[in-house]
Amino acid sequence: MSAPPRSSPARQPALREHNLALVLGEIVASGPASRARVAASTGLTKATVSTLVDTLVAGGLLRESGPHPAGGVGRPGTDLVLAPGPVGIGLEINVDYVAVCTVDLAGMVCRHDLVARDLRSLGVRGALDCAADVLRAAVRAAGDAARVVGASPAEAVTGICVAVPGLVDGRRGLLRLAPNLAWRDVPVLDELRRRLVPAVDVPVVDVPVVDVPVDHPGRMPMRLDNEANLAALGELWAGGHTRPDGTPLRSFLHVSGEIGVGAAVVLDGGLFVGLRGFGGEIGHLPLDPSGRSCPCGASGCLEQYAGQEAILRRAGLDRPPRTSAGRPDGPIEELVRRAGEGDPAVLDAVTEAGHALGVAISVAVNLVDVDTVLLDGIYARLARWMREPVEAELAARVLSAAWDPVRVVVGALGSDAAVRGAATRAVRSVIEDPAAWLGRVRPLTP
């Protein structure tokens, strides 16, 4: 009988990196706490916690508040709380708007800006110019805020995460295909860096670039991801969703419609993206292979039956599709108004779309076996009329529904879900690996 494989022994630096994340994560998850309480919660010794906390305080990630009464005996204690910075920045490039969001370590929004522009009419170059302008303003604002609290601008931003609507090759920073923008093989991150740091040829990297000033975006790690994935993470981290027993919702299928239709699968608090990161394209699941032509090049895709353009066409509304963020007074608002007034054509259109959406969702649920579906984007706005046909299809088509019905819930973040998820993803890199962040901005002592 062969011996079981042996794992490598943990190195002391690796153990310290793990424990730094453990201590910081405890404050993020549970809120202000004394060193003694952190020691009790994590199982670390008080001496170890004290050393780790000193490192996190010196690195600007924690600070001590207080003093507060120690319970009647002994010296007054102090609580550990998250420091004001650093922050993560999320940028969303969509069909008719660019949005930017800044969040702190606690996930609280510090800044949110949205510029409504028809990016399709600007072309790739003009759209990226617009996005870079919005992003540059957010980075400068973060640097200014850092100076106010006495921190270096180099320590202001943990990183930048960019959300785009389409197939994303995250390893190369490429938007492979965005049918509703008519973009193909666009190196989004390279193009943004070039605009942010025009004097330096800055490659896309996951470590700081040392050839540019410390407060330039060229020093900041950047990543690119699909907007549906990031919207799902936004709802996971900031949506406040719970299961029927009151515990946090950590597994669900997130389905979002604006102009296109996207989906993301969250399993046990993590995003399932597939081998190449191209998962979640439910909008191009074929409902009828001989059906209507789709801009993606195929026929009969879900978007042609449950996308915004299909709903507007079926309702008899001769208006071009727009996102609810880019045009708050646009066609979605009119759909909601007319549905509320009982317009038969609109109600029929929404109901028909709900049935088509339910068919597609049932395929995904049968495949990945989740018990909750979260509707977002225009589907959240239309959920009052769309939920029933979606639930009917799920009840009829999901094999496990007879004894374990699939729950349909509505997103909480609205059109901010993707940019909020992007910003939070950028800042969570510090929470998950504070040692890497501290090593980047100020070398750690052994």
Protein backbone atom coordinates (compact mmCIF):
# COMPACT_ATOMS: atom_id res chain seq x y z
CA MET A 1 0.00 0.00 0.00
CA SER A 2 1.53 3.31 -1.06
CA ALA A 3 2.01 6.10 1.44
CA PRO A 4 -0.39 9.05 1.19
CA PRO A 5 1.04 12.18 -0.43
CA ARG A 6 2.68 14.52 2.02
CA SER A 7 2.06 18.25 2.05
CA SER A 8 4.88 20.72 2.47
CA PRO A 9 5.39 22.18 5.92
CA ALA A 10 4.08 25.70 6.42
CA ARG A 11 6.76 28.37 6.23
CA GLN A 12 6.82 30.93 9.01
CA PRO A 13 6.18 33.85 6.60
CA ALA A 14 3.20 31.97 5.12
CA LEU A 15 1.81 31.38 8.60
CA ARG A 16 2.13 35.06 9.41
CA GLU A 17 0.43 36.04 6.15
CA HIS A 18 -2.44 33.70 6.98
CA ASN A 19 -2.81 35.09 10.49
CA LEU A 20 -2.75 38.71 9.32
CA ALA A 21 -5.69 37.89 7.03
CA LEU A 22 -7.40 36.06 9.89
CA VAL A 23 -7.19 39.05 12.23
CA LEU A 24 -8.21 41.64 9.64
CA GLY A 25 -11.03 39.42 8.40
CA GLU A 26 -12.38 39.09 11.95
CA ILE A 27 -12.71 42.88 12.27
CA VAL A 28 -14.30 43.14 8.83
CA ALA A 29 -16.81 40.37 9.59
CA SER A 30 -17.67 41.12 13.22
CA GLY A 31 -17.00 44.82 13.66
CA PRO A 32 -15.02 46.63 16.38
CA ALA A 33 -13.38 44.33 18.90
CA SER A 34 -10.70 44.33 21.56
CA ARG A 35 -7.47 42.44 21.07
CA ALA A 36 -8.61 39.93 23.67
CA ARG A 37 -11.85 39.29 21.79
CA VAL A 38 -9.99 38.85 18.51
CA ALA A 39 -7.71 36.34 20.22
CA ALA A 40 -10.71 34.43 21.57
CA SER A 41 -12.50 34.48 18.20
CA THR A 42 -9.52 33.40 16.11
CA GLY A 43 -7.86 30.97 18.52
CA LEU A 44 -4.58 32.86 18.37
CA THR A 45 -2.66 33.77 21.48
CA LYS A 46 -3.00 37.29 22.85
CA ALA A 47 0.69 37.93 22.23
CA THR A 48 0.39 36.85 18.58
CA VAL A 49 -2.71 38.97 18.06
CA SER A 50 -0.98 41.98 19.60
CA THR A 51 1.98 41.65 17.20
CA LEU A 52 -0.28 41.21 14.18
CA VAL A 53 -2.48 44.13 15.18
CA ASP A 54 0.56 46.37 15.55
CA THR A 55 1.52 45.49 11.95
CA LEU A 56 -1.99 46.19 10.64
CA VAL A 57 -2.20 49.49 12.54
CA ALA A 58 1.21 50.59 11.27
CA GLY A 59 0.09 49.68 7.74
CA GLY A 60 -2.98 51.87 7.93
CA LEU A 61 -5.52 49.03 7.82
CA LEU A 62 -6.66 49.12 11.44
CA ARG A 63 -6.79 51.80 14.10
CA GLU A 64 -7.59 51.78 17.78
CA SER A 65 -10.63 53.59 19.12
CA GLY A 66 -11.45 54.15 22.72
CA PRO A 67 -10.66 53.85 25.46
CA HIS A 68 -13.77 52.11 26.77
CA PRO A 69 -14.49 50.67 30.23
CA ALA A 70 -12.86 47.32 30.81
CA GLY A 71 -15.77 45.93 32.84
CA GLY A 72 -15.02 47.45 36.20
CA VAL A 73 -11.58 45.98 36.81
CA GLY A 74 -8.24 46.79 35.23
CA ARG A 75 -7.22 49.35 32.66
CA PRO A 76 -9.66 50.75 30.14
CA GLY A 77 -9.53 48.83 26.86
CA THR A 78 -9.57 49.95 23.26
CA ASP A 79 -11.48 48.56 20.30
CA LEU A 80 -9.87 47.81 16.99
CA VAL A 81 -11.72 49.31 14.02
CA LEU A 82 -11.06 49.53 10.31
CA ALA A 83 -8.97 52.52 9.27
CA PRO A 84 -10.42 55.14 6.84
CA GLY A 85 -8.41 53.75 3.91
CA PRO A 86 -7.36 52.35 1.55
CA VAL A 87 -10.23 52.09 -0.94
CA GLY A 88 -11.10 50.03 -3.98
CA ILE A 89 -12.35 51.58 -7.21
CA GLY A 90 -14.84 49.95 -9.55
CA LEU A 91 -15.45 51.16 -13.11
CA GLU A 92 -18.37 50.00 -15.24
CA ILE A 93 -18.42 50.54 -19.00
CA ASN A 94 -21.88 49.85 -20.37
CA VAL A 95 -23.84 50.57 -23.52
CA ASP A 96 -25.06 54.02 -22.56
CA TYR A 97 -23.16 55.02 -19.44
CA VAL A 98 -19.89 54.89 -17.53
CA ALA A 99 -20.07 54.55 -13.75
CA VAL A 100 -17.38 54.63 -11.08
CA CYS A 101 -17.67 53.65 -7.43
CA THR A 102 -15.22 53.86 -4.52
CA VAL A 103 -15.65 51.69 -1.41
CA ASP A 104 -13.65 51.40 1.79
CA LEU A 105 -12.50 48.30 3.65
CA ALA A 106 -15.92 47.93 5.27
CA GLY A 107 -17.62 48.00 1.87
CA MET A 108 -19.16 51.42 2.43
CA VAL A 109 -19.55 53.63 -0.63
CA CYS A 110 -17.32 56.71 -0.45
CA ARG A 111 -17.99 58.06 -3.94
CA HIS A 112 -20.25 57.23 -6.87
CA ASP A 113 -20.37 58.98 -10.23
CA LEU A 114 -22.24 58.18 -13.43
CA VAL A 115 -21.84 59.74 -16.87
CA ALA A 116 -24.70 58.98 -19.26
CA ARG A 117 -23.36 58.72 -22.83
CA ASP A 118 -24.26 56.55 -25.80
CA LEU A 119 -20.93 54.75 -25.99
CA ARG A 120 -21.87 52.96 -29.20
CA SER A 121 -21.90 56.27 -31.04
CA LEU A 122 -18.46 57.18 -29.66
CA GLY A 123 -16.73 54.07 -30.92
CA VAL A 124 -14.10 52.16 -28.96
CA ARG A 125 -11.60 55.02 -28.78
CA GLY A 126 -14.11 57.67 -27.68
CA ALA A 127 -15.75 55.35 -25.15
CA LEU A 128 -12.42 54.51 -23.52
CA ASP A 129 -11.49 58.21 -23.47
CA CYS A 130 -14.70 58.88 -21.54
CA ALA A 131 -14.11 55.95 -19.17
CA ALA A 132 -10.52 57.06 -18.48
CA ASP A 133 -11.68 60.58 -17.61
CA VAL A 134 -14.20 59.26 -15.10
CA LEU A 135 -11.67 56.86 -13.60
CA ARG A 136 -8.94 59.49 -13.35
CA ALA A 137 -11.25 61.77 -11.34
CA ALA A 138 -12.02 58.96 -8.89
CA VAL A 139 -8.32 58.12 -8.40
CA ARG A 140 -7.47 61.77 -7.77
CA ALA A 141 -10.32 62.08 -5.27
CA ALA A 142 -9.03 59.01 -3.41
CA GLY A 143 -5.53 60.51 -3.30
CA ASP A 144 -6.91 63.80 -1.96
CA ALA A 145 -8.86 61.94 0.73
CA ALA A 146 -5.70 60.06 1.74
CA ARG A 147 -3.78 63.30 2.17
CA VAL A 148 -6.51 64.63 4.48
CA VAL A 149 -5.94 61.76 6.92
CA GLY A 150 -2.15 61.97 6.59
CA ALA A 151 -1.69 58.93 4.33
CA SER A 152 0.38 58.77 1.19
CA PRO A 153 -1.51 58.82 -2.14
CA ALA A 154 0.40 55.65 -2.99
CA GLU A 155 -1.57 53.95 -0.19
CA ALA A 156 -4.95 55.36 -1.21
CA VAL A 157 -6.20 52.80 -3.73
CA THR A 158 -5.89 49.02 -3.44
CA GLY A 159 -6.68 48.45 -7.10
CA ILE A 160 -9.16 49.02 -9.90
CA CYS A 161 -11.69 46.51 -11.21
CA VAL A 162 -13.44 47.17 -14.53
CA ALA A 163 -16.84 45.72 -15.42
CA VAL A 164 -17.81 45.27 -19.08
CA PRO A 165 -20.80 43.62 -20.81
CA GLY A 166 -19.45 40.64 -22.72
CA LEU A 167 -16.99 37.76 -22.88
CA VAL A 168 -13.87 38.62 -20.90
CA ASP A 169 -10.40 37.10 -21.01
CA GLY A 170 -9.38 38.30 -17.57
CA ARG A 171 -5.83 36.97 -17.77
CA ARG A 172 -5.08 39.20 -20.74
CA GLY A 173 -7.36 42.10 -19.84
CA LEU A 174 -9.27 41.59 -23.10
CA LEU A 175 -12.92 42.09 -23.87
CA ARG A 176 -13.30 39.32 -26.42
CA LEU A 177 -16.84 40.07 -27.55
CA ALA A 178 -19.51 42.57 -26.51
CA PRO A 179 -22.37 42.19 -29.02
CA ASN A 180 -24.40 45.13 -27.70
CA LEU A 181 -21.39 47.45 -27.91
CA ALA A 182 -20.16 45.91 -31.18
CA TRP A 183 -16.68 45.49 -29.62
CA ARG A 184 -14.40 42.57 -30.38
CA ASP A 185 -10.93 41.80 -28.96
CA VAL A 186 -10.50 45.15 -27.23
CA PRO A 187 -7.53 45.30 -24.77
CA VAL A 188 -9.50 47.36 -22.28
CA LEU A 189 -6.93 47.44 -19.48
CA ASP A 190 -4.01 48.30 -21.74
CA GLU A 191 -6.04 51.08 -23.33
CA LEU A 192 -7.11 52.52 -19.98
CA ARG A 193 -3.55 52.47 -18.62
CA ARG A 194 -2.30 54.20 -21.74
CA ARG A 195 -4.81 56.99 -21.20
CA LEU A 196 -4.19 57.25 -17.47
CA VAL A 197 -0.40 57.37 -17.77
CA PRO A 198 0.19 58.74 -21.28
CA ALA A 199 3.91 59.42 -20.83
CA VAL A 200 4.80 55.84 -19.94
CA ASP A 201 4.24 52.57 -21.75
CA VAL A 202 2.60 50.71 -18.89
CA PRO A 203 1.77 47.01 -19.37
CA VAL A 204 -1.11 45.30 -17.62
CA VAL A 205 0.39 43.67 -14.56
CA ASP A 206 -0.74 42.45 -11.16
CA VAL A 207 2.04 44.26 -9.28
CA PRO A 208 2.83 47.96 -9.00
CA VAL A 209 4.62 49.64 -11.88
CA VAL A 210 7.67 51.41 -10.48
CA ASP A 211 8.47 53.66 -13.43
CA VAL A 212 5.72 56.18 -12.71
CA PRO A 213 4.94 58.50 -9.78
CA VAL A 214 3.46 56.85 -6.71
CA ASP A 215 0.03 58.46 -7.02
CA HIS A 216 -0.49 57.51 -10.68
CA PRO A 217 -2.98 54.77 -11.62
CA GLY A 218 -0.12 53.01 -13.40
CA ARG A 219 1.02 51.72 -10.00
CA MET A 220 -2.36 50.17 -9.23
CA PRO A 221 -3.30 46.57 -10.02
CA MET A 222 -6.17 46.41 -12.51
CA ARG A 223 -8.48 43.57 -13.44
CA LEU A 224 -11.28 43.11 -15.97
CA ASP A 225 -14.43 41.05 -15.53
CA ASN A 226 -17.89 40.53 -16.92
CA GLU A 227 -20.50 42.90 -15.48
CA ALA A 228 -22.92 40.07 -14.67
CA ASN A 229 -20.24 38.32 -12.58
CA LEU A 230 -19.49 41.51 -10.69
CA ALA A 231 -23.18 42.32 -10.19
CA ALA A 232 -23.62 38.89 -8.60
CA LEU A 233 -20.68 39.57 -6.27
CA GLY A 234 -22.13 42.97 -5.44
CA GLU A 235 -25.38 41.33 -4.36
CA LEU A 236 -23.46 38.64 -2.45
CA TRP A 237 -21.33 41.12 -0.49
CA ALA A 238 -23.62 44.15 -0.17
CA GLY A 239 -27.15 43.03 -1.01
CA GLY A 240 -28.01 41.77 2.48
CA HIS A 241 -29.78 38.67 1.13
CA THR A 242 -30.59 35.84 3.53
CA ARG A 243 -31.94 32.31 3.36
CA PRO A 244 -35.32 31.46 4.92
CA ASP A 245 -33.54 30.46 8.15
CA GLY A 246 -31.93 33.93 8.42
CA THR A 247 -28.39 32.87 7.47
CA PRO A 248 -26.59 34.78 4.69
CA LEU A 249 -27.39 33.72 1.14
CA ARG A 250 -24.18 32.23 -0.27
CA SER A 251 -25.37 30.16 -3.25
CA PHE A 252 -27.64 31.42 -6.02
CA LEU A 253 -28.10 31.99 -9.72
CA HIS A 254 -27.99 35.71 -10.52
CA VAL A 255 -29.85 36.72 -13.70
CA SER A 256 -29.70 40.30 -14.87
CA GLY A 257 -31.28 41.98 -17.86
CA GLU A 258 -30.62 45.45 -19.20
CA ILE A 259 -30.14 45.50 -22.96
CA GLY A 260 -28.65 42.02 -23.00
CA VAL A 261 -29.22 39.17 -20.55
CA GLY A 262 -26.43 37.84 -18.35
CA ALA A 263 -26.10 35.40 -15.51
CA ALA A 264 -23.61 34.34 -12.87
CA VAL A 265 -23.46 31.37 -10.53
CA VAL A 266 -22.41 31.89 -6.91
CA LEU A 267 -21.63 28.69 -5.00
CA ASP A 268 -20.84 28.76 -1.29
CA GLY A 269 -19.75 32.39 -1.44
CA GLY A 270 -17.53 31.99 -4.52
CA LEU A 271 -18.07 32.83 -8.17
CA PHE A 272 -18.16 29.93 -10.63
CA VAL A 273 -16.84 31.23 -13.96
CA GLY A 274 -15.82 28.12 -15.88
CA LEU A 275 -12.46 27.10 -17.31
CA ARG A 276 -11.83 30.28 -19.34
CA GLY A 277 -14.04 32.69 -17.41
CA PHE A 278 -16.71 32.72 -20.12
CA GLY A 279 -19.50 31.18 -18.02
CA GLY A 280 -22.87 32.81 -17.42
CA GLU A 281 -23.88 33.75 -20.97
CA ILE A 282 -27.49 32.69 -20.40
CA GLY A 283 -28.68 35.36 -22.82
CA HIS A 284 -27.33 33.24 -25.66
CA LEU A 285 -28.84 29.96 -24.53
CA PRO A 286 -30.85 28.79 -27.57
CA LEU A 287 -34.59 28.57 -26.91
CA ASP A 288 -35.36 28.00 -30.58
CA PRO A 289 -32.40 27.16 -32.85
CA SER A 290 -34.46 28.12 -35.90
CA GLY A 291 -35.80 31.29 -34.30
CA ARG A 292 -34.93 34.96 -34.50
CA SER A 293 -31.41 36.03 -35.48
CA CYS A 294 -29.22 37.37 -32.67
CA PRO A 295 -26.36 39.91 -32.92
CA CYS A 296 -24.04 37.21 -31.56
CA GLY A 297 -24.42 35.37 -34.90
CA ALA A 298 -26.66 32.55 -33.69
CA SER A 299 -30.45 32.18 -33.83
CA GLY A 300 -33.15 31.78 -31.22
CA CYS A 301 -31.15 33.07 -28.25
CA LEU A 302 -32.93 33.94 -25.00
CA GLU A 303 -32.22 37.64 -25.55
CA GLN A 304 -34.49 37.56 -28.59
CA TYR A 305 -37.42 36.52 -26.38
CA ALA A 306 -36.69 38.01 -22.94
CA GLY A 307 -34.26 40.83 -23.65
CA GLN A 308 -35.35 44.45 -23.41
CA GLU A 309 -35.65 44.95 -27.16
CA ALA A 310 -37.89 41.88 -27.47
CA ILE A 311 -40.14 43.07 -24.63
CA LEU A 312 -40.47 46.55 -26.14
CA ARG A 313 -41.25 45.10 -29.56
CA ARG A 314 -43.88 42.72 -28.18
CA ALA A 315 -45.44 45.58 -26.15
CA GLY A 316 -45.70 47.78 -29.23
CA LEU A 317 -43.35 50.44 -27.83
CA ASP A 318 -41.31 51.85 -30.68
CA ARG A 319 -38.37 52.98 -28.56
CA PRO A 320 -34.70 51.94 -28.70
CA PRO A 321 -33.53 49.90 -25.70
CA ARG A 322 -31.67 51.79 -22.99
CA THR A 323 -30.30 50.82 -19.59
CA SER A 324 -32.20 52.02 -16.54
CA ALA A 325 -28.98 53.64 -15.26
CA GLY A 326 -28.10 55.50 -18.43
CA ARG A 327 -31.69 56.60 -19.06
CA PRO A 328 -33.72 56.55 -15.83
CA ASP A 329 -36.62 58.15 -17.72
CA GLY A 330 -36.28 55.80 -20.69
CA PRO A 331 -38.20 52.80 -21.99
CA ILE A 332 -37.96 50.72 -18.79
CA GLU A 333 -39.69 53.47 -16.84
CA GLU A 334 -42.42 53.54 -19.47
CA LEU A 335 -42.80 49.77 -19.32
CA VAL A 336 -43.16 49.86 -15.54
CA ARG A 337 -45.68 52.71 -15.73
CA ARG A 338 -47.83 51.05 -18.37
CA ALA A 339 -47.71 47.69 -16.63
CA GLY A 340 -48.87 49.39 -13.43
CA GLU A 341 -51.76 50.94 -15.38
CA GLY A 342 -52.77 47.50 -16.64
CA ASP A 343 -51.84 48.00 -20.31
CA PRO A 344 -52.75 44.62 -21.89
CA ALA A 345 -50.01 44.70 -24.53
CA VAL A 346 -47.31 45.47 -21.95
CA LEU A 347 -48.57 42.84 -19.53
CA ASP A 348 -48.64 40.23 -22.29
CA ALA A 349 -45.11 41.16 -23.34
CA VAL A 350 -43.74 40.96 -19.81
CA THR A 351 -45.54 37.69 -19.13
CA GLU A 352 -44.25 36.13 -22.35
CA ALA A 353 -40.71 37.25 -21.50
CA GLY A 354 -41.11 35.81 -18.01
CA HIS A 355 -42.01 32.40 -19.40
CA ALA A 356 -39.04 32.46 -21.78
CA LEU A 357 -36.75 33.52 -18.96
CA GLY A 358 -38.14 30.80 -16.70
CA VAL A 359 -37.43 28.13 -19.31
CA ALA A 360 -33.81 29.23 -19.62
CA ILE A 361 -33.33 29.55 -15.87
CA SER A 362 -34.73 26.06 -15.30
CA VAL A 363 -32.02 24.65 -17.59
CA ALA A 364 -29.34 26.39 -15.55
CA VAL A 365 -30.85 25.34 -12.21
CA ASN A 366 -31.10 21.70 -13.29
CA LEU A 367 -27.43 21.88 -14.28
CA VAL A 368 -25.88 23.61 -11.26
CA ASP A 369 -28.43 22.70 -8.53
CA VAL A 370 -29.03 25.96 -6.66
CA ASP A 371 -32.24 26.68 -4.77
CA THR A 372 -32.37 30.47 -5.20
CA VAL A 373 -32.63 32.67 -8.29
CA LEU A 374 -31.93 36.38 -7.93
CA LEU A 375 -33.48 38.67 -10.56
CA ASP A 376 -31.70 41.94 -11.25
CA GLY A 377 -31.57 44.80 -13.73
CA ILE A 378 -34.82 45.36 -15.64
CA TYR A 379 -36.13 42.07 -14.28
CA ALA A 380 -36.02 43.51 -10.79
CA ARG A 381 -38.03 46.52 -12.01
CA LEU A 382 -40.56 44.21 -13.69
CA ALA A 383 -40.57 41.50 -11.01
CA ARG A 384 -44.09 42.40 -9.85
CA TRP A 385 -45.42 41.00 -13.15
CA MET A 386 -42.58 38.73 -14.26
CA ARG A 387 -41.97 36.66 -11.14
CA GLU A 388 -45.12 34.54 -11.45
CA PRO A 389 -44.40 33.19 -14.99
CA VAL A 390 -40.75 32.58 -14.03
CA GLU A 391 -41.83 30.62 -10.95
CA ALA A 392 -44.38 28.66 -13.00
CA GLU A 393 -41.71 27.49 -15.43
CA LEU A 394 -39.32 26.61 -12.61
CA ALA A 395 -42.02 24.58 -10.84
CA ALA A 396 -42.80 22.69 -14.04
CA ARG A 397 -39.25 22.13 -15.32
CA VAL A 398 -36.82 21.87 -12.37
CA LEU A 399 -36.66 18.21 -11.41
CA SER A 400 -36.21 18.84 -7.69
CA ALA A 401 -38.94 21.51 -7.46
CA ALA A 402 -41.63 19.10 -6.26
CA TRP A 403 -39.98 18.69 -2.86
CA ASP A 404 -37.60 21.66 -2.83
CA PRO A 405 -39.09 24.67 -4.69
CA VAL A 406 -36.73 27.18 -6.23
CA ARG A 407 -36.97 30.55 -4.52
CA VAL A 408 -37.07 33.69 -6.70
CA VAL A 409 -35.86 36.90 -5.03
CA VAL A 410 -35.19 40.41 -6.29
CA GLY A 411 -31.83 42.19 -6.30
CA ALA A 412 -31.24 44.92 -3.74
CA LEU A 413 -28.62 47.11 -5.44
CA GLY A 414 -30.40 47.95 -8.67
CA SER A 415 -28.25 49.35 -11.47
CA ASP A 416 -25.34 49.87 -9.04
CA ALA A 417 -24.78 46.14 -8.54
CA ALA A 418 -21.97 45.67 -11.08
CA VAL A 419 -19.92 48.77 -10.24
CA ARG A 420 -20.42 48.13 -6.52
CA GLY A 421 -19.23 44.56 -6.96
CA ALA A 422 -16.23 45.74 -8.96
CA ALA A 423 -15.17 48.23 -6.29
CA THR A 424 -15.66 45.71 -3.49
CA ARG A 425 -13.69 43.08 -5.38
CA ALA A 426 -10.79 45.51 -5.65
CA VAL A 427 -10.76 46.23 -1.92
CA ARG A 428 -11.32 42.63 -0.85
CA SER A 429 -7.91 41.74 -2.24
CA VAL A 430 -6.48 43.56 0.77
CA ILE A 431 -8.82 41.84 3.21
CA GLU A 432 -7.94 38.43 1.82
CA ASP A 433 -4.18 39.09 1.67
CA PRO A 434 -3.15 42.10 3.78
CA ALA A 435 0.48 40.96 3.75
CA ALA A 436 0.68 41.46 -0.02
CA TRP A 437 -0.80 44.95 0.30
CA LEU A 438 1.52 45.92 3.15
CA GLY A 439 4.50 44.57 1.22
CA ARG A 440 3.48 46.72 -1.72
CA VAL A 441 3.13 50.02 0.11
CA ARG A 442 5.65 49.49 2.93
CA PRO A 443 7.96 46.48 3.36
CA LEU A 444 7.04 44.10 6.16
CA THR A 445 9.61 43.37 8.83
CA PRO A 446 10.37 39.68 9.31
